[in-house]
Amino acid sequence: MSLPMIPSVSDDKLKRNQKEIIQVVLECQSCHSERARDFNDGDFIYKADEKPCDKCGGTLFVRQIYSEIVPKKKAKAKKESH
């Protein structure tokens, strides 16, 4: 059984100077700290992340997946900062 795809904003609804980026919020199981990163294929809610928590070394789990519409220039700058 496969999981449904994340709904996406169709290209016709995006303006020319906009881009959709998908973000993942990770939460540490031990200290409950949060951090965000770009979505990777295969991510799903409650999936354990490969990297440990920066603060305590605990296991990070995917808590939330969301999309954000940003100007194309901002999307490029955000990608480069990660």
N, C-alpha and C. Protein backbone atom coordinates (compact mmCIF):
# COMPACT_ATOMS: atom_id res chain seq x y z
N MET A 1 0.85 -1.18 0.00
CA MET A 1 0.00 0.00 0.00
C MET A 1 0.89 1.24 0.00
N SER A 2 0.64 2.12 -0.91
CA SER A 2 1.45 3.34 -0.98
C SER A 2 0.70 4.50 -0.34
N LEU A 3 1.46 5.44 0.16
CA LEU A 3 0.89 6.62 0.79
C LEU A 3 0.52 7.64 -0.26
N PRO A 4 -0.52 8.45 -0.02
CA PRO A 4 -0.89 9.47 -1.00
C PRO A 4 0.19 10.55 -1.08
N MET A 5 0.30 11.14 -2.24
CA MET A 5 1.26 12.22 -2.46
C MET A 5 0.81 13.47 -1.69
N ILE A 6 1.77 14.30 -1.33
CA ILE A 6 1.48 15.56 -0.67
C ILE A 6 0.82 16.48 -1.69
N PRO A 7 -0.34 17.05 -1.34
CA PRO A 7 -0.98 17.96 -2.29
C PRO A 7 -0.04 19.11 -2.63
N SER A 8 -0.04 19.48 -3.87
CA SER A 8 0.84 20.54 -4.32
C SER A 8 0.02 21.63 -4.99
N VAL A 9 0.52 22.84 -4.92
CA VAL A 9 -0.13 23.94 -5.62
C VAL A 9 0.16 23.75 -7.11
N SER A 10 -0.87 23.74 -7.92
CA SER A 10 -0.66 23.53 -9.35
C SER A 10 0.09 24.71 -9.95
N ASP A 11 0.85 24.43 -10.99
CA ASP A 11 1.67 25.46 -11.64
C ASP A 11 0.84 26.64 -12.14
N ASP A 12 -0.40 26.39 -12.55
CA ASP A 12 -1.21 27.48 -13.07
C ASP A 12 -1.65 28.44 -11.96
N LYS A 13 -1.59 28.02 -10.68
CA LYS A 13 -1.94 28.91 -9.58
C LYS A 13 -0.74 29.68 -9.06
N LEU A 14 0.46 29.24 -9.40
CA LEU A 14 1.67 29.95 -8.99
C LEU A 14 1.92 31.10 -9.95
N LYS A 15 2.29 32.22 -9.41
CA LYS A 15 2.66 33.34 -10.27
C LYS A 15 4.04 33.08 -10.85
N ARG A 16 4.39 33.79 -11.89
CA ARG A 16 5.67 33.58 -12.56
C ARG A 16 6.88 33.72 -11.64
N ASN A 17 6.81 34.64 -10.72
CA ASN A 17 7.95 34.92 -9.85
C ASN A 17 7.86 34.17 -8.52
N GLN A 18 7.04 33.13 -8.46
CA GLN A 18 6.87 32.37 -7.22
C GLN A 18 7.31 30.92 -7.40
N LYS A 19 7.67 30.33 -6.28
CA LYS A 19 8.07 28.93 -6.28
C LYS A 19 7.52 28.27 -5.02
N GLU A 20 7.14 27.01 -5.13
CA GLU A 20 6.66 26.26 -3.98
C GLU A 20 7.82 25.43 -3.42
N ILE A 21 8.06 25.58 -2.12
CA ILE A 21 9.07 24.76 -1.46
C ILE A 21 8.37 23.95 -0.36
N ILE A 22 8.82 22.74 -0.17
CA ILE A 22 8.22 21.87 0.84
C ILE A 22 9.22 21.72 1.97
N GLN A 23 8.76 21.99 3.18
CA GLN A 23 9.60 21.96 4.38
C GLN A 23 9.13 20.84 5.32
N VAL A 24 10.06 20.36 6.13
CA VAL A 24 9.78 19.33 7.13
C VAL A 24 10.19 19.89 8.49
N VAL A 25 9.33 19.72 9.49
CA VAL A 25 9.66 20.11 10.86
C VAL A 25 10.03 18.82 11.60
N LEU A 26 11.23 18.81 12.19
CA LEU A 26 11.70 17.66 12.96
C LEU A 26 11.63 17.99 14.44
N GLU A 27 11.24 17.03 15.27
CA GLU A 27 11.18 17.22 16.72
C GLU A 27 11.97 16.10 17.39
N CYS A 28 12.77 16.49 18.38
CA CYS A 28 13.56 15.52 19.14
C CYS A 28 12.65 14.77 20.11
N GLN A 29 12.81 13.47 20.16
CA GLN A 29 12.01 12.65 21.06
C GLN A 29 12.39 12.90 22.52
N SER A 30 13.66 13.25 22.77
CA SER A 30 14.13 13.43 24.15
C SER A 30 13.89 14.83 24.70
N CYS A 31 14.44 15.85 24.01
CA CYS A 31 14.38 17.22 24.55
C CYS A 31 13.29 18.07 23.90
N HIS A 32 12.59 17.55 22.91
CA HIS A 32 11.48 18.22 22.23
C HIS A 32 11.89 19.50 21.49
N SER A 33 13.18 19.66 21.19
CA SER A 33 13.59 20.80 20.37
C SER A 33 13.16 20.55 18.93
N GLU A 34 13.01 21.63 18.18
CA GLU A 34 12.55 21.53 16.80
C GLU A 34 13.55 22.17 15.86
N ARG A 35 13.58 21.66 14.63
CA ARG A 35 14.33 22.30 13.56
C ARG A 35 13.65 21.97 12.25
N ALA A 36 13.91 22.77 11.24
CA ALA A 36 13.28 22.58 9.94
C ALA A 36 14.35 22.26 8.90
N ARG A 37 13.95 21.54 7.86
CA ARG A 37 14.82 21.25 6.74
C ARG A 37 13.96 21.07 5.50
N ASP A 38 14.61 20.99 4.34
CA ASP A 38 13.89 20.76 3.10
C ASP A 38 13.35 19.33 3.06
N PHE A 39 12.25 19.13 2.37
CA PHE A 39 11.63 17.83 2.21
C PHE A 39 12.50 16.95 1.33
N ASN A 40 12.63 15.68 1.70
CA ASN A 40 13.33 14.69 0.89
C ASN A 40 12.32 13.62 0.47
N ASP A 41 12.48 13.05 -0.73
CA ASP A 41 11.61 11.96 -1.16
C ASP A 41 11.63 10.86 -0.11
N GLY A 42 10.49 10.34 0.23
CA GLY A 42 10.39 9.28 1.22
C GLY A 42 10.09 9.77 2.63
N ASP A 43 10.09 11.09 2.86
CA ASP A 43 9.74 11.62 4.18
C ASP A 43 8.26 11.38 4.46
N PHE A 44 7.94 11.05 5.69
CA PHE A 44 6.56 10.91 6.13
C PHE A 44 6.49 11.22 7.62
N ILE A 45 5.29 11.52 8.12
CA ILE A 45 5.09 11.86 9.52
C ILE A 45 5.54 10.69 10.39
N TYR A 46 6.25 10.99 11.46
CA TYR A 46 6.80 10.05 12.44
C TYR A 46 8.02 9.27 11.94
N LYS A 47 8.53 9.60 10.76
CA LYS A 47 9.74 8.94 10.28
C LYS A 47 10.93 9.44 11.10
N ALA A 48 11.81 8.54 11.48
CA ALA A 48 13.03 8.92 12.21
C ALA A 48 14.02 9.51 11.20
N ASP A 49 14.63 10.62 11.55
CA ASP A 49 15.62 11.27 10.69
C ASP A 49 16.97 10.59 10.87
N GLU A 50 17.83 10.67 9.84
CA GLU A 50 19.15 10.05 9.90
C GLU A 50 20.08 10.77 10.88
N LYS A 51 19.92 12.09 10.97
CA LYS A 51 20.81 12.88 11.82
C LYS A 51 20.26 12.98 13.24
N PRO A 52 21.13 12.93 14.24
CA PRO A 52 20.66 13.07 15.63
C PRO A 52 20.41 14.55 15.97
N CYS A 53 19.76 14.77 17.09
CA CYS A 53 19.48 16.11 17.60
C CYS A 53 20.79 16.85 17.87
N ASP A 54 20.84 18.12 17.49
CA ASP A 54 22.03 18.95 17.72
C ASP A 54 22.23 19.24 19.20
N LYS A 55 21.15 19.30 19.97
CA LYS A 55 21.25 19.69 21.38
C LYS A 55 21.60 18.52 22.30
N CYS A 56 20.91 17.37 22.12
CA CYS A 56 21.10 16.28 23.08
C CYS A 56 21.54 14.96 22.45
N GLY A 57 21.54 14.89 21.12
CA GLY A 57 21.93 13.65 20.45
C GLY A 57 20.80 12.64 20.34
N GLY A 58 19.59 13.05 20.73
CA GLY A 58 18.42 12.16 20.67
C GLY A 58 17.94 11.95 19.24
N THR A 59 16.92 11.13 19.09
CA THR A 59 16.36 10.81 17.79
C THR A 59 15.36 11.88 17.36
N LEU A 60 15.51 12.36 16.13
CA LEU A 60 14.59 13.33 15.56
C LEU A 60 13.53 12.60 14.74
N PHE A 61 12.28 13.03 14.87
CA PHE A 61 11.19 12.48 14.09
C PHE A 61 10.51 13.58 13.29
N VAL A 62 10.01 13.24 12.09
CA VAL A 62 9.26 14.18 11.28
C VAL A 62 7.93 14.42 11.99
N ARG A 63 7.68 15.67 12.34
CA ARG A 63 6.44 16.03 13.03
C ARG A 63 5.44 16.71 12.10
N GLN A 64 5.96 17.43 11.10
CA GLN A 64 5.07 18.20 10.23
C GLN A 64 5.72 18.33 8.86
N ILE A 65 4.89 18.32 7.82
CA ILE A 65 5.33 18.57 6.45
C ILE A 65 4.39 19.63 5.89
N TYR A 66 4.96 20.69 5.34
CA TYR A 66 4.12 21.77 4.80
C TYR A 66 4.78 22.39 3.58
N SER A 67 3.99 23.05 2.76
CA SER A 67 4.52 23.76 1.60
C SER A 67 4.39 25.25 1.82
N GLU A 68 5.26 25.99 1.18
CA GLU A 68 5.31 27.43 1.33
C GLU A 68 5.55 28.04 -0.05
N ILE A 69 4.80 29.09 -0.36
CA ILE A 69 4.98 29.80 -1.63
C ILE A 69 5.89 30.99 -1.36
N VAL A 70 7.00 31.05 -2.06
CA VAL A 70 7.97 32.13 -1.85
C VAL A 70 8.38 32.70 -3.20
N PRO A 71 8.87 33.94 -3.21
CA PRO A 71 9.43 34.49 -4.44
C PRO A 71 10.60 33.63 -4.90
N LYS A 72 10.79 33.48 -6.20
CA LYS A 72 11.86 32.62 -6.72
C LYS A 72 13.23 33.00 -6.19
N LYS A 73 13.53 34.29 -6.09
CA LYS A 73 14.83 34.71 -5.58
C LYS A 73 15.02 34.26 -4.14
N LYS A 74 13.97 34.37 -3.32
CA LYS A 74 14.04 33.97 -1.93
C LYS A 74 14.22 32.45 -1.83
N ALA A 75 13.56 31.72 -2.70
CA ALA A 75 13.66 30.26 -2.68
C ALA A 75 15.09 29.82 -2.96
N LYS A 76 15.76 30.48 -3.91
CA LYS A 76 17.14 30.15 -4.22
C LYS A 76 18.05 30.48 -3.04
N ALA A 77 17.85 31.63 -2.42
CA ALA A 77 18.68 32.03 -1.28
C ALA A 77 18.47 31.08 -0.10
N LYS A 78 17.24 30.63 0.11
CA LYS A 78 16.94 29.72 1.21
C LYS A 78 17.61 28.36 0.98
N LYS A 79 17.63 27.89 -0.26
CA LYS A 79 18.28 26.63 -0.60
C LYS A 79 19.77 26.71 -0.33
N GLU A 80 20.41 27.82 -0.70
CA GLU A 80 21.85 27.97 -0.54
C GLU A 80 22.26 28.04 0.93
N SER A 81 21.38 28.53 1.80
CA SER A 81 21.73 28.67 3.21
C SER A 81 21.68 27.34 3.94
N HIS A 82 21.08 26.29 3.37
CA HIS A 82 20.96 24.99 4.05
C HIS A 82 22.15 24.16 3.77
